[in-house]
Amino acid sequence: MTYPRSAIKHALLGSGFVVPRVETGLSIIAATWVSSKWPGRAPAEKVLIRAFIGGARDPDILSRIPNDEDLAHLAHRNLARILKIECYPQFSRVYRWKNRSPQYEVGHLARLASIDHELQHTPGLFITGTSFRGIGIPDCIAEGRATARSASEGL
């Protein structure tokens, strides 16, 4: 969603926020400041914000709200509530990515430790990807490189 920079009082430092599970009354689960993370993605006088809806918290929301305009309006209402935005977005686009990001559950790190222990006894078998360590593209690249290094050391 694109807003005039003047409409956002928040400094938008960092990369965004994640909505904790205990927070009620919100449909978004996270938001990123796209224009802060990647300068040039929006003109200087604009702010580009990406909102995430659904996930494991509400996996059926995309089916319940089939209209993209309604989904964008819901995201805007949530962002407006959190960031005190008093205008509508000048631009919005909806991308429906179902089951795309892993949802780490309590105990995930212990499971990884157990998997890593077992892999030490299985030479030549390597695992990598967003399901294990880090859901972002930079995390995936770093994990892929580390796995490639481990594999090449075993040749």
N, C-alpha and C. Protein backbone atom coordinates (compact mmCIF):
# COMPACT_ATOMS: atom_id res chain seq x y z
N MET A 1 0.85 -1.15 0.00
CA MET A 1 0.00 0.00 0.00
C MET A 1 0.90 1.22 0.00
N THR A 2 0.51 2.21 -0.76
CA THR A 2 1.28 3.45 -0.85
C THR A 2 0.49 4.58 -0.22
N TYR A 3 1.18 5.31 0.64
CA TYR A 3 0.59 6.47 1.32
C TYR A 3 1.51 7.67 1.12
N PRO A 4 0.97 8.88 1.22
CA PRO A 4 1.85 10.05 1.24
C PRO A 4 2.70 10.00 2.52
N ARG A 5 3.98 10.31 2.41
CA ARG A 5 4.86 10.28 3.59
C ARG A 5 4.30 11.17 4.69
N SER A 6 3.69 12.27 4.32
CA SER A 6 3.14 13.21 5.31
C SER A 6 1.99 12.62 6.11
N ALA A 7 1.37 11.55 5.62
CA ALA A 7 0.24 10.93 6.31
C ALA A 7 0.69 9.94 7.39
N ILE A 8 1.97 9.61 7.39
CA ILE A 8 2.50 8.63 8.34
C ILE A 8 3.36 9.37 9.37
N LYS A 9 2.88 9.43 10.59
CA LYS A 9 3.63 10.14 11.65
C LYS A 9 4.76 9.27 12.21
N HIS A 10 4.62 7.97 12.09
CA HIS A 10 5.63 7.03 12.58
C HIS A 10 6.91 7.20 11.78
N ALA A 11 8.06 7.06 12.42
CA ALA A 11 9.35 7.23 11.74
C ALA A 11 9.66 6.10 10.75
N LEU A 12 9.01 4.95 10.91
CA LEU A 12 9.23 3.78 10.05
C LEU A 12 10.69 3.36 10.02
N LEU A 13 11.33 3.40 11.18
CA LEU A 13 12.70 2.92 11.30
C LEU A 13 12.67 1.41 11.40
N GLY A 14 13.77 0.77 11.07
CA GLY A 14 13.81 -0.68 11.11
C GLY A 14 13.16 -1.24 9.86
N SER A 15 12.61 -2.43 9.98
CA SER A 15 12.05 -3.08 8.80
C SER A 15 10.54 -3.30 8.87
N GLY A 16 9.93 -3.06 10.02
CA GLY A 16 8.50 -3.28 10.15
C GLY A 16 8.16 -3.83 11.51
N PHE A 17 7.08 -4.61 11.57
CA PHE A 17 6.67 -5.18 12.86
C PHE A 17 5.93 -6.49 12.64
N VAL A 18 5.89 -7.28 13.70
CA VAL A 18 5.12 -8.52 13.74
C VAL A 18 4.06 -8.33 14.82
N VAL A 19 2.85 -8.75 14.54
CA VAL A 19 1.76 -8.65 15.51
C VAL A 19 1.79 -9.90 16.38
N PRO A 20 1.94 -9.74 17.70
CA PRO A 20 1.97 -10.92 18.57
C PRO A 20 0.64 -11.66 18.56
N ARG A 21 0.69 -12.96 18.78
CA ARG A 21 -0.53 -13.77 18.78
C ARG A 21 -1.54 -13.32 19.82
N VAL A 22 -1.07 -12.74 20.91
CA VAL A 22 -1.99 -12.33 21.98
C VAL A 22 -2.78 -11.08 21.61
N GLU A 23 -2.35 -10.38 20.57
CA GLU A 23 -3.05 -9.17 20.12
C GLU A 23 -4.36 -9.58 19.46
N THR A 24 -5.46 -9.01 19.91
CA THR A 24 -6.76 -9.36 19.33
C THR A 24 -7.32 -8.18 18.55
N GLY A 25 -8.21 -8.49 17.65
CA GLY A 25 -8.89 -7.44 16.89
C GLY A 25 -8.15 -6.98 15.65
N LEU A 26 -7.05 -7.65 15.32
CA LEU A 26 -6.31 -7.31 14.10
C LEU A 26 -6.25 -8.52 13.19
N SER A 27 -6.35 -8.28 11.90
CA SER A 27 -6.23 -9.36 10.93
C SER A 27 -4.82 -9.48 10.37
N ILE A 28 -4.06 -8.37 10.38
CA ILE A 28 -2.70 -8.46 9.85
C ILE A 28 -1.82 -9.16 10.88
N ILE A 29 -0.84 -9.90 10.38
CA ILE A 29 0.09 -10.60 11.27
C ILE A 29 1.46 -9.95 11.25
N ALA A 30 1.71 -9.09 10.27
CA ALA A 30 3.00 -8.39 10.19
C ALA A 30 2.89 -7.30 9.13
N ALA A 31 3.85 -6.41 9.15
CA ALA A 31 3.96 -5.38 8.10
C ALA A 31 5.43 -5.03 7.94
N THR A 32 5.82 -4.71 6.73
CA THR A 32 7.19 -4.27 6.47
C THR A 32 7.16 -2.91 5.79
N TRP A 33 8.17 -2.10 6.14
CA TRP A 33 8.33 -0.78 5.53
C TRP A 33 9.16 -0.97 4.27
N VAL A 34 8.54 -1.30 3.19
CA VAL A 34 9.25 -1.61 1.95
C VAL A 34 10.11 -0.43 1.51
N SER A 35 9.56 0.77 1.58
CA SER A 35 10.31 1.95 1.12
C SER A 35 11.46 2.30 2.05
N SER A 36 11.44 1.84 3.29
CA SER A 36 12.58 2.05 4.20
C SER A 36 13.64 0.98 4.00
N LYS A 37 13.18 -0.26 3.79
CA LYS A 37 14.11 -1.38 3.61
C LYS A 37 14.87 -1.28 2.30
N TRP A 38 14.17 -0.84 1.26
CA TRP A 38 14.77 -0.78 -0.07
C TRP A 38 14.50 0.59 -0.68
N PRO A 39 15.37 1.56 -0.43
CA PRO A 39 15.17 2.89 -1.01
C PRO A 39 15.03 2.79 -2.53
N GLY A 40 14.18 3.62 -3.07
CA GLY A 40 13.94 3.59 -4.51
C GLY A 40 12.70 2.81 -4.89
N ARG A 41 12.12 2.08 -3.94
CA ARG A 41 10.90 1.33 -4.25
C ARG A 41 9.68 2.24 -4.32
N ALA A 42 9.82 3.45 -3.78
CA ALA A 42 8.73 4.44 -3.83
C ALA A 42 9.37 5.82 -3.91
N PRO A 43 8.70 6.77 -4.53
CA PRO A 43 9.24 8.14 -4.56
C PRO A 43 9.45 8.66 -3.13
N ALA A 44 10.35 9.62 -2.96
CA ALA A 44 10.71 10.13 -1.63
C ALA A 44 9.51 10.63 -0.83
N GLU A 45 8.50 11.15 -1.51
CA GLU A 45 7.35 11.70 -0.79
C GLU A 45 6.27 10.64 -0.51
N LYS A 46 6.58 9.38 -0.81
CA LYS A 46 5.62 8.28 -0.60
C LYS A 46 6.21 7.25 0.35
N VAL A 47 5.33 6.45 0.94
CA VAL A 47 5.71 5.34 1.80
C VAL A 47 5.03 4.10 1.25
N LEU A 48 5.79 3.03 1.09
CA LEU A 48 5.25 1.76 0.62
C LEU A 48 5.32 0.77 1.78
N ILE A 49 4.16 0.26 2.16
CA ILE A 49 4.05 -0.68 3.29
C ILE A 49 3.42 -1.97 2.79
N ARG A 50 4.01 -3.09 3.18
CA ARG A 50 3.46 -4.40 2.83
C ARG A 50 2.86 -5.01 4.09
N ALA A 51 1.61 -5.41 4.01
CA ALA A 51 0.93 -6.03 5.15
C ALA A 51 0.72 -7.52 4.85
N PHE A 52 0.84 -8.32 5.88
CA PHE A 52 0.66 -9.77 5.77
C PHE A 52 -0.60 -10.15 6.55
N ILE A 53 -1.43 -10.97 5.93
CA ILE A 53 -2.70 -11.39 6.54
C ILE A 53 -2.80 -12.91 6.45
N GLY A 54 -3.34 -13.52 7.48
CA GLY A 54 -3.62 -14.96 7.43
C GLY A 54 -2.61 -15.78 8.20
N GLY A 55 -1.79 -16.53 7.47
CA GLY A 55 -0.82 -17.40 8.11
C GLY A 55 -1.51 -18.48 8.92
N ALA A 56 -0.77 -19.05 9.85
CA ALA A 56 -1.33 -20.11 10.70
C ALA A 56 -2.39 -19.55 11.64
N ARG A 57 -2.34 -18.26 11.88
CA ARG A 57 -3.30 -17.63 12.80
C ARG A 57 -4.72 -17.61 12.21
N ASP A 58 -4.83 -17.42 10.92
CA ASP A 58 -6.14 -17.36 10.27
C ASP A 58 -6.01 -17.90 8.84
N PRO A 59 -5.81 -19.21 8.70
CA PRO A 59 -5.52 -19.78 7.38
C PRO A 59 -6.66 -19.69 6.37
N ASP A 60 -7.88 -19.44 6.83
CA ASP A 60 -9.03 -19.41 5.93
C ASP A 60 -9.43 -18.02 5.48
N ILE A 61 -8.72 -17.00 5.90
CA ILE A 61 -9.16 -15.63 5.61
C ILE A 61 -9.20 -15.34 4.11
N LEU A 62 -8.28 -15.91 3.35
CA LEU A 62 -8.28 -15.65 1.91
C LEU A 62 -9.50 -16.25 1.23
N SER A 63 -10.02 -17.34 1.77
CA SER A 63 -11.25 -17.93 1.24
C SER A 63 -12.48 -17.13 1.68
N ARG A 64 -12.43 -16.65 2.91
CA ARG A 64 -13.57 -15.89 3.44
C ARG A 64 -13.70 -14.52 2.78
N ILE A 65 -12.57 -13.96 2.34
CA ILE A 65 -12.59 -12.64 1.69
C ILE A 65 -12.04 -12.81 0.28
N PRO A 66 -12.88 -13.25 -0.66
CA PRO A 66 -12.40 -13.52 -2.02
C PRO A 66 -12.11 -12.27 -2.84
N ASN A 67 -12.65 -11.13 -2.43
CA ASN A 67 -12.49 -9.89 -3.19
C ASN A 67 -11.21 -9.17 -2.75
N ASP A 68 -10.31 -8.91 -3.69
CA ASP A 68 -9.04 -8.26 -3.38
C ASP A 68 -9.23 -6.86 -2.79
N GLU A 69 -10.22 -6.15 -3.27
CA GLU A 69 -10.48 -4.80 -2.76
C GLU A 69 -10.86 -4.85 -1.28
N ASP A 70 -11.67 -5.83 -0.91
CA ASP A 70 -12.07 -5.98 0.49
C ASP A 70 -10.87 -6.35 1.36
N LEU A 71 -10.00 -7.21 0.84
CA LEU A 71 -8.81 -7.62 1.59
C LEU A 71 -7.86 -6.43 1.78
N ALA A 72 -7.69 -5.63 0.74
CA ALA A 72 -6.84 -4.44 0.83
C ALA A 72 -7.42 -3.45 1.84
N HIS A 73 -8.75 -3.30 1.82
CA HIS A 73 -9.39 -2.38 2.76
C HIS A 73 -9.19 -2.86 4.20
N LEU A 74 -9.28 -4.15 4.43
CA LEU A 74 -9.04 -4.72 5.76
C LEU A 74 -7.61 -4.44 6.21
N ALA A 75 -6.66 -4.67 5.33
CA ALA A 75 -5.25 -4.40 5.66
C ALA A 75 -5.06 -2.92 5.99
N HIS A 76 -5.66 -2.06 5.19
CA HIS A 76 -5.55 -0.61 5.44
C HIS A 76 -6.14 -0.25 6.81
N ARG A 77 -7.32 -0.78 7.13
CA ARG A 77 -7.93 -0.46 8.43
C ARG A 77 -7.02 -0.86 9.58
N ASN A 78 -6.38 -2.02 9.45
CA ASN A 78 -5.46 -2.48 10.49
C ASN A 78 -4.24 -1.57 10.59
N LEU A 79 -3.65 -1.24 9.44
CA LEU A 79 -2.49 -0.34 9.44
C LEU A 79 -2.86 1.03 9.98
N ALA A 80 -4.03 1.53 9.59
CA ALA A 80 -4.47 2.85 10.06
C ALA A 80 -4.63 2.86 11.57
N ARG A 81 -5.14 1.78 12.11
CA ARG A 81 -5.31 1.68 13.56
C ARG A 81 -3.96 1.69 14.28
N ILE A 82 -3.01 0.94 13.77
CA ILE A 82 -1.71 0.83 14.42
C ILE A 82 -0.87 2.09 14.23
N LEU A 83 -0.85 2.61 13.00
CA LEU A 83 0.03 3.73 12.67
C LEU A 83 -0.67 5.08 12.69
N LYS A 84 -1.95 5.08 13.04
CA LYS A 84 -2.73 6.34 13.11
C LYS A 84 -2.77 7.05 11.76
N ILE A 85 -2.96 6.28 10.69
CA ILE A 85 -3.04 6.85 9.34
C ILE A 85 -4.45 7.39 9.14
N GLU A 86 -4.55 8.61 8.66
CA GLU A 86 -5.86 9.25 8.51
C GLU A 86 -6.30 9.43 7.06
N CYS A 87 -5.67 8.71 6.15
CA CYS A 87 -6.10 8.78 4.75
C CYS A 87 -6.08 7.37 4.17
N TYR A 88 -6.73 7.21 3.04
CA TYR A 88 -6.72 5.93 2.36
C TYR A 88 -5.43 5.80 1.55
N PRO A 89 -5.02 4.56 1.27
CA PRO A 89 -3.82 4.41 0.43
C PRO A 89 -4.08 4.95 -0.97
N GLN A 90 -3.04 5.48 -1.56
CA GLN A 90 -3.14 5.98 -2.93
C GLN A 90 -3.05 4.84 -3.93
N PHE A 91 -2.48 3.74 -3.48
CA PHE A 91 -2.32 2.57 -4.35
C PHE A 91 -2.28 1.34 -3.45
N SER A 92 -2.90 0.27 -3.92
CA SER A 92 -2.76 -1.01 -3.21
C SER A 92 -2.85 -2.14 -4.22
N ARG A 93 -2.20 -3.21 -3.89
CA ARG A 93 -2.23 -4.42 -4.72
C ARG A 93 -2.21 -5.62 -3.79
N VAL A 94 -2.98 -6.62 -4.12
CA VAL A 94 -3.07 -7.82 -3.29
C VAL A 94 -2.40 -8.97 -4.02
N TYR A 95 -1.53 -9.66 -3.31
CA TYR A 95 -0.94 -10.91 -3.79
C TYR A 95 -1.39 -11.99 -2.83
N ARG A 96 -2.01 -13.02 -3.35
CA ARG A 96 -2.51 -14.12 -2.51
C ARG A 96 -1.53 -15.28 -2.57
N TRP A 97 -0.74 -15.40 -1.53
CA TRP A 97 0.24 -16.48 -1.43
C TRP A 97 -0.23 -17.43 -0.34
N LYS A 98 -0.81 -18.53 -0.73
CA LYS A 98 -1.32 -19.49 0.23
C LYS A 98 -0.21 -20.47 0.62
N ASN A 99 -0.10 -20.73 1.91
CA ASN A 99 0.86 -21.71 2.44
C ASN A 99 2.28 -21.46 1.95
N ARG A 100 2.71 -20.22 1.96
CA ARG A 100 4.02 -19.88 1.41
C ARG A 100 5.14 -19.76 2.43
N SER A 101 4.84 -19.31 3.62
CA SER A 101 5.89 -19.12 4.63
C SER A 101 5.75 -20.15 5.72
N PRO A 102 6.86 -20.73 6.15
CA PRO A 102 6.77 -21.69 7.25
C PRO A 102 6.28 -21.00 8.52
N GLN A 103 5.59 -21.75 9.32
CA GLN A 103 5.08 -21.24 10.60
C GLN A 103 5.81 -22.00 11.70
N TYR A 104 6.85 -21.40 12.25
CA TYR A 104 7.62 -22.06 13.30
C TYR A 104 6.79 -22.15 14.57
N GLU A 105 6.76 -23.33 15.15
CA GLU A 105 5.98 -23.58 16.36
C GLU A 105 6.94 -23.65 17.55
N VAL A 106 6.38 -23.59 18.75
CA VAL A 106 7.18 -23.76 19.95
C VAL A 106 7.87 -25.11 19.86
N GLY A 107 9.15 -25.15 20.17
CA GLY A 107 9.92 -26.38 20.09
C GLY A 107 10.69 -26.52 18.78
N HIS A 108 10.56 -25.56 17.88
CA HIS A 108 11.21 -25.65 16.57
C HIS A 108 12.73 -25.78 16.71
N LEU A 109 13.33 -24.98 17.58
CA LEU A 109 14.79 -25.03 17.74
C LEU A 109 15.25 -26.37 18.30
N ALA A 110 14.48 -26.95 19.20
CA ALA A 110 14.82 -28.27 19.74
C ALA A 110 14.74 -29.33 18.64
N ARG A 111 13.71 -29.23 17.78
CA ARG A 111 13.61 -30.16 16.65
C ARG A 111 14.81 -30.03 15.72
N LEU A 112 15.22 -28.77 15.46
CA LEU A 112 16.38 -28.55 14.60
C LEU A 112 17.63 -29.17 15.21
N ALA A 113 17.81 -29.01 16.50
CA ALA A 113 18.98 -29.59 17.18
C ALA A 113 18.98 -31.10 17.03
N SER A 114 17.81 -31.71 17.16
CA SER A 114 17.69 -33.16 17.01
C SER A 114 18.00 -33.59 15.57
N ILE A 115 17.48 -32.85 14.61
CA ILE A 115 17.74 -33.14 13.19
C ILE A 115 19.23 -33.00 12.90
N ASP A 116 19.84 -31.91 13.38
CA ASP A 116 21.28 -31.70 13.16
C ASP A 116 22.10 -32.84 13.76
N HIS A 117 21.69 -33.30 14.93
CA HIS A 117 22.39 -34.42 15.57
C HIS A 117 22.31 -35.68 14.69
N GLU A 118 21.13 -35.97 14.18
CA GLU A 118 20.95 -37.15 13.32
C GLU A 118 21.73 -37.01 12.02
N LEU A 119 21.78 -35.80 11.47
CA LEU A 119 22.51 -35.59 10.21
C LEU A 119 24.00 -35.83 10.37
N GLN A 120 24.53 -35.64 11.57
CA GLN A 120 25.95 -35.92 11.80
C GLN A 120 26.27 -37.39 11.58
N HIS A 121 25.26 -38.23 11.73
CA HIS A 121 25.44 -39.68 11.55
C HIS A 121 24.99 -40.15 10.17
N THR A 122 24.70 -39.20 9.28
CA THR A 122 24.25 -39.53 7.93
C THR A 122 25.08 -38.73 6.93
N PRO A 123 26.32 -39.15 6.68
CA PRO A 123 27.19 -38.38 5.78
C PRO A 123 26.58 -38.25 4.38
N GLY A 124 26.73 -37.07 3.82
CA GLY A 124 26.26 -36.83 2.46
C GLY A 124 24.82 -36.36 2.37
N LEU A 125 24.09 -36.35 3.49
CA LEU A 125 22.72 -35.87 3.48
C LEU A 125 22.68 -34.48 4.11
N PHE A 126 22.14 -33.52 3.38
CA PHE A 126 22.08 -32.14 3.84
C PHE A 126 20.66 -31.62 3.65
N ILE A 127 20.24 -30.75 4.54
CA ILE A 127 18.93 -30.12 4.39
C ILE A 127 19.11 -28.61 4.48
N THR A 128 18.28 -27.90 3.76
CA THR A 128 18.32 -26.44 3.82
C THR A 128 16.98 -25.90 3.35
N GLY A 129 16.74 -24.66 3.63
CA GLY A 129 15.50 -24.02 3.17
C GLY A 129 14.81 -23.26 4.27
N THR A 130 13.77 -22.56 3.90
CA THR A 130 13.07 -21.70 4.84
C THR A 130 12.33 -22.48 5.92
N SER A 131 12.10 -23.75 5.70
CA SER A 131 11.41 -24.54 6.72
C SER A 131 12.27 -24.77 7.95
N PHE A 132 13.56 -24.51 7.83
CA PHE A 132 14.48 -24.83 8.93
C PHE A 132 14.97 -23.60 9.68
N ARG A 133 15.63 -22.67 8.98
CA ARG A 133 16.25 -21.53 9.66
C ARG A 133 16.04 -20.25 8.87
N GLY A 134 15.10 -19.45 9.29
CA GLY A 134 14.90 -18.14 8.68
C GLY A 134 13.99 -18.17 7.47
N ILE A 135 12.96 -17.32 7.47
CA ILE A 135 11.99 -17.35 6.38
C ILE A 135 12.27 -16.33 5.29
N GLY A 136 13.16 -15.38 5.55
CA GLY A 136 13.43 -14.34 4.56
C GLY A 136 14.40 -14.81 3.49
N ILE A 137 14.41 -14.11 2.38
CA ILE A 137 15.32 -14.44 1.28
C ILE A 137 16.78 -14.37 1.73
N PRO A 138 17.20 -13.32 2.47
CA PRO A 138 18.59 -13.30 2.93
C PRO A 138 18.93 -14.50 3.81
N ASP A 139 17.99 -14.92 4.67
CA ASP A 139 18.21 -16.10 5.51
C ASP A 139 18.39 -17.35 4.65
N CYS A 140 17.55 -17.47 3.63
CA CYS A 140 17.60 -18.64 2.75
C CYS A 140 18.92 -18.68 1.98
N ILE A 141 19.38 -17.53 1.52
CA ILE A 141 20.65 -17.47 0.80
C ILE A 141 21.80 -17.86 1.72
N ALA A 142 21.81 -17.29 2.93
CA ALA A 142 22.87 -17.61 3.90
C ALA A 142 22.87 -19.09 4.25
N GLU A 143 21.69 -19.65 4.48
CA GLU A 143 21.58 -21.07 4.80
C GLU A 143 22.02 -21.93 3.62
N GLY A 144 21.65 -21.54 2.41
CA GLY A 144 22.07 -22.28 1.22
C GLY A 144 23.58 -22.28 1.06
N ARG A 145 24.19 -21.12 1.29
CA ARG A 145 25.66 -21.03 1.20
C ARG A 145 26.34 -21.89 2.26
N ALA A 146 25.82 -21.84 3.48
CA ALA A 146 26.40 -22.65 4.56
C ALA A 146 26.27 -24.14 4.24
N THR A 147 25.13 -24.54 3.70
CA THR A 147 24.93 -25.94 3.34
C THR A 147 25.86 -26.34 2.20
N ALA A 148 26.02 -25.46 1.21
CA ALA A 148 26.93 -25.74 0.09
C ALA A 148 28.37 -25.89 0.59
N ARG A 149 28.76 -25.03 1.54
CA ARG A 149 30.11 -25.14 2.13
C ARG A 149 30.29 -26.48 2.82
N SER A 150 29.30 -26.87 3.61
CA SER A 150 29.36 -28.16 4.31
C SER A 150 29.44 -29.31 3.32
N ALA A 151 28.65 -29.23 2.26
CA ALA A 151 28.65 -30.30 1.26
C ALA A 151 30.00 -30.37 0.55
N SER A 152 30.56 -29.21 0.20
CA SER A 152 31.85 -29.22 -0.53
C SER A 152 32.99 -29.70 0.36
N GLU A 153 32.90 -29.46 1.65
CA GLU A 153 33.93 -29.94 2.58
C GLU A 153 33.89 -31.46 2.69
N GLY A 154 32.73 -32.04 2.42
CA GLY A 154 32.59 -33.49 2.51
C GLY A 154 32.96 -34.23 1.25
N LEU A 155 33.32 -33.49 0.18
CA LEU A 155 33.68 -34.16 -1.08
C LEU A 155 35.06 -34.76 -1.04
